[in-house]
PDB file of N, CA and C in Angstrom:
ATOM      1  N   MET A   1     -39.751  22.533  13.840  1.00  0.00           N
ATOM      2  CA  MET A   1     -38.979  21.724  12.924  1.00  0.00           C
ATOM      3  C   MET A   1     -37.499  22.016  13.162  1.00  0.00           C
ATOM      4  N   LYS A   2     -36.696  20.961  13.168  1.00  0.00           N
ATOM      5  CA  LYS A   2     -35.249  21.105  13.296  1.00  0.00           C
ATOM      6  C   LYS A   2     -34.671  21.502  11.941  1.00  0.00           C
ATOM      7  N   PRO A   3     -33.557  22.223  11.920  1.00  0.00           N
ATOM      8  CA  PRO A   3     -32.953  22.627  10.644  1.00  0.00           C
ATOM      9  C   PRO A   3     -32.688  21.455   9.700  1.00  0.00           C
ATOM     10  N   ILE A   4     -32.274  20.323  10.226  1.00  0.00           N
ATOM     11  CA  ILE A   4     -31.962  19.181   9.363  1.00  0.00           C
ATOM     12  C   ILE A   4     -33.190  18.709   8.583  1.00  0.00           C
ATOM     13  N   ASP A   5     -34.380  18.910   9.154  1.00  0.00           N
ATOM     14  CA  ASP A   5     -35.608  18.451   8.505  1.00  0.00           C
ATOM     15  C   ASP A   5     -35.930  19.221   7.220  1.00  0.00           C
ATOM     16  N   ALA A   6     -35.328  20.357   7.030  1.00  0.00           N
ATOM     17  CA  ALA A   6     -35.600  21.154   5.833  1.00  0.00           C
ATOM     18  C   ALA A   6     -34.846  20.647   4.607  1.00  0.00           C
ATOM     19  N   TYR A   7     -33.843  19.800   4.827  1.00  0.00           N
ATOM     20  CA  TYR A   7     -32.986  19.363   3.724  1.00  0.00           C
ATOM     21  C   TYR A   7     -33.316  17.937   3.297  1.00  0.00           C
ATOM     22  N   HIS A   8     -33.604  17.799   2.003  1.00  0.00           N
ATOM     23  CA  HIS A   8     -33.936  16.491   1.452  1.00  0.00           C
ATOM     24  C   HIS A   8     -32.662  15.657   1.352  1.00  0.00           C
ATOM     25  N   ARG A   9     -32.745  14.411   1.802  1.00  0.00           N
ATOM     26  CA  ARG A   9     -31.616  13.495   1.714  1.00  0.00           C
ATOM     27  C   ARG A   9     -32.130  12.123   1.312  1.00  0.00           C
ATOM     28  N   TRP A  10     -31.293  11.381   0.607  1.00  0.00           N
ATOM     29  CA  TRP A  10     -31.698  10.054   0.167  1.00  0.00           C
ATOM     30  C   TRP A  10     -30.471   9.195  -0.103  1.00  0.00           C
ATOM     31  N   VAL A  11     -30.725   7.890  -0.244  1.00  0.00           N
ATOM     32  CA  VAL A  11     -29.692   6.917  -0.578  1.00  0.00           C
ATOM     33  C   VAL A  11     -30.133   6.214  -1.847  1.00  0.00           C
ATOM     34  N   GLU A  12     -29.198   6.039  -2.772  1.00  0.00           N
ATOM     35  CA  GLU A  12     -29.497   5.321  -4.005  1.00  0.00           C
ATOM     36  C   GLU A  12     -28.311   4.446  -4.382  1.00  0.00           C
ATOM     37  N   TRP A  13     -28.592   3.411  -5.159  1.00  0.00           N
ATOM     38  CA  TRP A  13     -27.549   2.503  -5.626  1.00  0.00           C
ATOM     39  C   TRP A  13     -26.859   3.111  -6.833  1.00  0.00           C
ATOM     40  N   SER A  14     -25.541   2.995  -6.874  1.00  0.00           N
ATOM     41  CA  SER A  14     -24.755   3.447  -8.020  1.00  0.00           C
ATOM     42  C   SER A  14     -24.219   2.226  -8.763  1.00  0.00           C
ATOM     43  N   ASP A  15     -24.739   1.973  -9.964  1.00  0.00           N
ATOM     44  CA  ASP A  15     -24.244   0.856 -10.767  1.00  0.00           C
ATOM     45  C   ASP A  15     -22.779   1.042 -11.131  1.00  0.00           C
ATOM     46  N   SER A  16     -22.399   2.264 -11.453  1.00  0.00           N
ATOM     47  CA  SER A  16     -21.023   2.505 -11.887  1.00  0.00           C
ATOM     48  C   SER A  16     -20.018   2.318 -10.753  1.00  0.00           C
ATOM     49  N   ASP A  17     -20.406   2.653  -9.525  1.00  0.00           N
ATOM     50  CA  ASP A  17     -19.496   2.541  -8.381  1.00  0.00           C
ATOM     51  C   ASP A  17     -19.721   1.270  -7.570  1.00  0.00           C
ATOM     52  N   GLN A  18     -20.862   0.602  -7.782  1.00  0.00           N
ATOM     53  CA  GLN A  18     -21.224  -0.610  -7.052  1.00  0.00           C
ATOM     54  C   GLN A  18     -21.286  -0.386  -5.539  1.00  0.00           C
ATOM     55  N   VAL A  19     -21.808   0.773  -5.137  1.00  0.00           N
ATOM     56  CA  VAL A  19     -22.020   1.107  -3.725  1.00  0.00           C
ATOM     57  C   VAL A  19     -23.290   1.936  -3.615  1.00  0.00           C
ATOM     58  N   TYR A  20     -23.774   2.076  -2.395  1.00  0.00           N
ATOM     59  CA  TYR A  20     -24.886   2.981  -2.130  1.00  0.00           C
ATOM     60  C   TYR A  20     -24.320   4.380  -1.902  1.00  0.00           C
ATOM     61  N   ILE A  21     -24.990   5.379  -2.467  1.00  0.00           N
ATOM     62  CA  ILE A  21     -24.564   6.769  -2.338  1.00  0.00           C
ATOM     63  C   ILE A  21     -25.633   7.520  -1.548  1.00  0.00           C
ATOM     64  N   GLY A  22     -25.219   8.194  -0.482  1.00  0.00           N
ATOM     65  CA  GLY A  22     -26.106   9.044   0.291  1.00  0.00           C
ATOM     66  C   GLY A  22     -25.926  10.482  -0.170  1.00  0.00           C
ATOM     67  N   LYS A  23     -27.032  11.152  -0.489  1.00  0.00           N
ATOM     68  CA  LYS A  23     -26.959  12.492  -1.067  1.00  0.00           C
ATOM     69  C   LYS A  23     -27.775  13.514  -0.288  1.00  0.00           C
ATOM     70  N   CYS A  24     -27.255  14.710  -0.238  1.00  0.00           N
ATOM     71  CA  CYS A  24     -27.946  15.892   0.268  1.00  0.00           C
ATOM     72  C   CYS A  24     -27.309  17.087  -0.448  1.00  0.00           C
ATOM     73  N   PRO A  25     -27.685  17.299  -1.710  1.00  0.00           N
ATOM     74  CA  PRO A  25     -26.987  18.269  -2.538  1.00  0.00           C
ATOM     75  C   PRO A  25     -27.003  19.705  -2.030  1.00  0.00           C
ATOM     76  N   ASP A  26     -27.929  20.044  -1.170  1.00  0.00           N
ATOM     77  CA  ASP A  26     -27.962  21.409  -0.653  1.00  0.00           C
ATOM     78  C   ASP A  26     -26.845  21.671   0.355  1.00  0.00           C
ATOM     79  N   LEU A  27     -26.281  20.599   0.951  1.00  0.00           N
ATOM     80  CA  LEU A  27     -25.262  20.781   1.991  1.00  0.00           C
ATOM     81  C   LEU A  27     -23.950  20.054   1.736  1.00  0.00           C
ATOM     82  N   ILE A  28     -24.002  18.835   1.178  1.00  0.00           N
ATOM     83  CA  ILE A  28     -22.778  18.061   0.960  1.00  0.00           C
ATOM     84  C   ILE A  28     -22.851  17.344  -0.377  1.00  0.00           C
ATOM     85  N   THR A  29     -21.705  16.886  -0.862  1.00  0.00           N
ATOM     86  CA  THR A  29     -21.696  16.168  -2.136  1.00  0.00           C
ATOM     87  C   THR A  29     -22.167  14.734  -1.973  1.00  0.00           C
ATOM     88  N   GLY A  30     -21.891  14.092  -0.839  1.00  0.00           N
ATOM     89  CA  GLY A  30     -22.399  12.750  -0.609  1.00  0.00           C
ATOM     90  C   GLY A  30     -21.410  11.869   0.117  1.00  0.00           C
ATOM     91  N   ILE A  31     -21.921  10.726   0.547  1.00  0.00           N
ATOM     92  CA  ILE A  31     -21.104   9.702   1.185  1.00  0.00           C
ATOM     93  C   ILE A  31     -21.494   8.374   0.557  1.00  0.00           C
ATOM     94  N   HIS A  32     -20.697   7.325   0.796  1.00  0.00           N
ATOM     95  CA  HIS A  32     -21.016   6.036   0.182  1.00  0.00           C
ATOM     96  C   HIS A  32     -20.703   4.890   1.133  1.00  0.00           C
ATOM     97  N   GLY A  33     -21.261   3.721   0.798  1.00  0.00           N
ATOM     98  CA  GLY A  33     -21.020   2.518   1.583  1.00  0.00           C
ATOM     99  C   GLY A  33     -21.791   1.340   1.037  1.00  0.00           C
ATOM    100  N   ASP A  34     -21.614   0.188   1.681  1.00  0.00           N
ATOM    101  CA  ASP A  34     -22.226  -1.061   1.215  1.00  0.00           C
ATOM    102  C   ASP A  34     -23.612  -1.335   1.793  1.00  0.00           C
ATOM    103  N   ASP A  35     -23.946  -0.725   2.914  1.00  0.00           N
ATOM    104  CA  ASP A  35     -25.222  -0.969   3.595  1.00  0.00           C
ATOM    105  C   ASP A  35     -26.075   0.297   3.528  1.00  0.00           C
ATOM    106  N   PRO A  36     -27.220   0.252   2.822  1.00  0.00           N
ATOM    107  CA  PRO A  36     -28.014   1.467   2.651  1.00  0.00           C
ATOM    108  C   PRO A  36     -28.529   2.052   3.962  1.00  0.00           C
ATOM    109  N   VAL A  37     -28.831   1.207   4.935  1.00  0.00           N
ATOM    110  CA  VAL A  37     -29.329   1.710   6.220  1.00  0.00           C
ATOM    111  C   VAL A  37     -28.209   2.457   6.946  1.00  0.00           C
ATOM    112  N   GLN A  38     -27.008   1.896   6.928  1.00  0.00           N
ATOM    113  CA  GLN A  38     -25.867   2.538   7.567  1.00  0.00           C
ATOM    114  C   GLN A  38     -25.496   3.836   6.847  1.00  0.00           C
ATOM    115  N   VAL A  39     -25.561   3.822   5.518  1.00  0.00           N
ATOM    116  CA  VAL A  39     -25.259   5.034   4.747  1.00  0.00           C
ATOM    117  C   VAL A  39     -26.244   6.147   5.114  1.00  0.00           C
ATOM    118  N   TYR A  40     -27.521   5.816   5.226  1.00  0.00           N
ATOM    119  CA  TYR A  40     -28.522   6.831   5.587  1.00  0.00           C
ATOM    120  C   TYR A  40     -28.268   7.386   6.986  1.00  0.00           C
ATOM    121  N   LYS A  41     -27.922   6.509   7.912  1.00  0.00           N
ATOM    122  CA  LYS A  41     -27.618   6.942   9.280  1.00  0.00           C
ATOM    123  C   LYS A  41     -26.414   7.887   9.284  1.00  0.00           C
ATOM    124  N   GLU A  42     -25.348   7.480   8.596  1.00  0.00           N
ATOM    125  CA  GLU A  42     -24.144   8.306   8.545  1.00  0.00           C
ATOM    126  C   GLU A  42     -24.400   9.616   7.802  1.00  0.00           C
ATOM    127  N   LEU A  43     -25.237   9.575   6.779  1.00  0.00           N
ATOM    128  CA  LEU A  43     -25.585  10.790   6.054  1.00  0.00           C
ATOM    129  C   LEU A  43     -26.233  11.799   6.988  1.00  0.00           C
ATOM    130  N   GLY A  44     -27.175  11.339   7.804  1.00  0.00           N
ATOM    131  CA  GLY A  44     -27.808  12.231   8.774  1.00  0.00           C
ATOM    132  C   GLY A  44     -26.807  12.823   9.752  1.00  0.00           C
ATOM    133  N   GLU A  45     -25.855  12.006  10.187  1.00  0.00           N
ATOM    134  CA  GLU A  45     -24.835  12.488  11.124  1.00  0.00           C
ATOM    135  C   GLU A  45     -23.947  13.555  10.481  1.00  0.00           C
ATOM    136  N   VAL A  46     -23.540  13.312   9.238  1.00  0.00           N
ATOM    137  CA  VAL A  46     -22.686  14.274   8.534  1.00  0.00           C
ATOM    138  C   VAL A  46     -23.440  15.580   8.292  1.00  0.00           C
ATOM    139  N   ILE A  47     -24.694  15.487   7.877  1.00  0.00           N
ATOM    140  CA  ILE A  47     -25.493  16.685   7.638  1.00  0.00           C
ATOM    141  C   ILE A  47     -25.628  17.486   8.929  1.00  0.00           C
ATOM    142  N   GLN A  48     -25.883  16.791  10.045  1.00  0.00           N
ATOM    143  CA  GLN A  48     -26.007  17.492  11.319  1.00  0.00           C
ATOM    144  C   GLN A  48     -24.699  18.175  11.705  1.00  0.00           C
ATOM    145  N   GLU A  49     -23.566  17.530  11.426  1.00  0.00           N
ATOM    146  CA  GLU A  49     -22.263  18.143  11.698  1.00  0.00           C
ATOM    147  C   GLU A  49     -22.072  19.410  10.872  1.00  0.00           C
ATOM    148  N   VAL A  50     -22.498  19.381   9.618  1.00  0.00           N
ATOM    149  CA  VAL A  50     -22.396  20.558   8.756  1.00  0.00           C
ATOM    150  C   VAL A  50     -23.272  21.688   9.307  1.00  0.00           C
ATOM    151  N   ILE A  51     -24.494  21.364   9.679  1.00  0.00           N
ATOM    152  CA  ILE A  51     -25.406  22.364  10.241  1.00  0.00           C
ATOM    153  C   ILE A  51     -24.825  22.944  11.529  1.00  0.00           C
ATOM    154  N   ASP A  52     -24.295  22.071  12.398  1.00  0.00           N
ATOM    155  CA  ASP A  52     -23.699  22.541  13.647  1.00  0.00           C
ATOM    156  C   ASP A  52     -22.529  23.483  13.375  1.00  0.00           C
ATOM    157  N   HIS A  53     -21.719  23.154  12.370  1.00  0.00           N
ATOM    158  CA  HIS A  53     -20.579  24.011  12.015  1.00  0.00           C
ATOM    159  C   HIS A  53     -21.060  25.392  11.559  1.00  0.00           C
ATOM    160  N   PHE A  54     -22.060  25.413  10.698  1.00  0.00           N
ATOM    161  CA  PHE A  54     -22.614  26.692  10.243  1.00  0.00           C
ATOM    162  C   PHE A  54     -23.089  27.516  11.433  1.00  0.00           C
ATOM    163  N   GLN A  55     -23.807  26.877  12.342  1.00  0.00           N
ATOM    164  CA  GLN A  55     -24.358  27.591  13.487  1.00  0.00           C
ATOM    165  C   GLN A  55     -23.265  28.066  14.442  1.00  0.00           C
ATOM    166  N   ARG A  56     -22.255  27.240  14.689  1.00  0.00           N
ATOM    167  CA  ARG A  56     -21.147  27.633  15.574  1.00  0.00           C
ATOM    168  C   ARG A  56     -20.375  28.823  15.025  1.00  0.00           C
ATOM    169  N   THR A  57     -20.226  28.869  13.713  1.00  0.00           N
ATOM    170  CA  THR A  57     -19.430  29.932  13.101  1.00  0.00           C
ATOM    171  C   THR A  57     -20.273  31.152  12.725  1.00  0.00           C
ATOM    172  N   GLY A  58     -21.571  31.101  13.037  1.00  0.00           N
ATOM    173  CA  GLY A  58     -22.444  32.245  12.777  1.00  0.00           C
ATOM    174  C   GLY A  58     -22.796  32.438  11.313  1.00  0.00           C
ATOM    175  N   ARG A  59     -22.569  31.415  10.500  1.00  0.00           N
ATOM    176  CA  ARG A  59     -22.912  31.503   9.074  1.00  0.00           C
ATOM    177  C   ARG A  59     -24.364  31.090   8.862  1.00  0.00           C
ATOM    178  N   GLU A  60     -24.977  31.692   7.892  1.00  0.00           N
ATOM    179  CA  GLU A  60     -26.356  31.357   7.550  1.00  0.00           C
ATOM    180  C   GLU A  60     -26.376  30.076   6.719  1.00  0.00           C
ATOM    181  N   LEU A  61     -27.292  29.178   7.048  1.00  0.00           N
ATOM    182  CA  LEU A  61     -27.429  27.946   6.275  1.00  0.00           C
ATOM    183  C   LEU A  61     -27.938  28.262   4.872  1.00  0.00           C
ATOM    184  N   PRO A  62     -27.467  27.508   3.874  1.00  0.00           N
ATOM    185  CA  PRO A  62     -28.000  27.726   2.526  1.00  0.00           C
ATOM    186  C   PRO A  62     -29.472  27.346   2.474  1.00  0.00           C
ATOM    187  N   PRO A  63     -30.232  28.014   1.644  1.00  0.00           N
ATOM    188  CA  PRO A  63     -31.658  27.665   1.563  1.00  0.00           C
ATOM    189  C   PRO A  63     -31.838  26.270   0.961  1.00  0.00           C
ATOM    190  N   PRO A  64     -32.750  25.476   1.503  1.00  0.00           N
ATOM    191  CA  PRO A  64     -33.019  24.172   0.901  1.00  0.00           C
ATOM    192  C   PRO A  64     -33.706  24.362  -0.443  1.00  0.00           C
ATOM    193  N   ARG A  65     -33.126  23.767  -1.479  1.00  0.00           N
ATOM    194  CA  ARG A  65     -33.697  23.908  -2.820  1.00  0.00           C
ATOM    195  C   ARG A  65     -34.129  22.586  -3.423  1.00  0.00           C
ATOM    196  N   THR A  66     -33.468  21.504  -3.032  1.00  0.00           N
ATOM    197  CA  THR A  66     -33.767  20.200  -3.614  1.00  0.00           C
ATOM    198  C   THR A  66     -35.056  19.650  -3.023  1.00  0.00           C
ATOM    199  N   ARG A  67     -35.923  19.202  -3.888  1.00  0.00           N
ATOM    200  CA  ARG A  67     -37.178  18.590  -3.482  1.00  0.00           C
ATOM    201  C   ARG A  67     -37.232  17.184  -4.063  1.00  0.00           C
ATOM    202  N   PRO A  68     -37.929  16.257  -3.419  1.00  0.00           N
ATOM    203  CA  PRO A  68     -37.893  14.862  -3.840  1.00  0.00           C
ATOM    204  C   PRO A  68     -38.111  14.599  -5.324  1.00  0.00           C
ATOM    205  N   MET A  69     -39.083  15.169  -5.926  1.00  0.00           N
ATOM    206  CA  MET A  69     -39.384  14.859  -7.332  1.00  0.00           C
ATOM    207  C   MET A  69     -38.459  15.557  -8.320  1.00  0.00           C
ATOM    208  N   MET A  70     -37.673  16.517  -7.862  1.00  0.00           N
ATOM    209  CA  MET A  70     -36.735  17.193  -8.773  1.00  0.00           C
ATOM    210  C   MET A  70     -35.608  16.267  -9.201  1.00  0.00           C
ATOM    211  N   GLU A  71     -35.255  15.288  -8.381  1.00  0.00           N
ATOM    212  CA  GLU A  71     -34.093  14.448  -8.628  1.00  0.00           C
ATOM    213  C   GLU A  71     -34.420  13.143  -9.359  1.00  0.00           C
ATOM    214  N   VAL A  72     -35.678  12.897  -9.651  1.00  0.00           N
ATOM    215  CA  VAL A  72     -36.053  11.656 -10.339  1.00  0.00           C
ATOM    216  C   VAL A  72     -35.616  11.735 -11.784  1.00  0.00           C
ATOM    217  N   SER A  73     -34.929  10.678 -12.244  1.00  0.00           N
ATOM    218  CA  SER A  73     -34.477  10.697 -13.637  1.00  0.00           C
ATOM    219  C   SER A  73     -35.423   9.973 -14.552  1.00  0.00           C
TER     220      SER A  73
END
């Protein structure tokens, strides 16, 4: 398994912001955009950049804590 696979990520619509929000709370606060498919793609790229940065600098990745059903409101 690749490190990115351990982190839950998703895209959801924000009524208040009128955009799609891509989330991965264990690593980043989020990104946004108008196209959910593009937001998900960019979210994966940003998460991978964060993981690469941690690995390049010799820092330990934070443990994945968010699970799919924990975030359901």
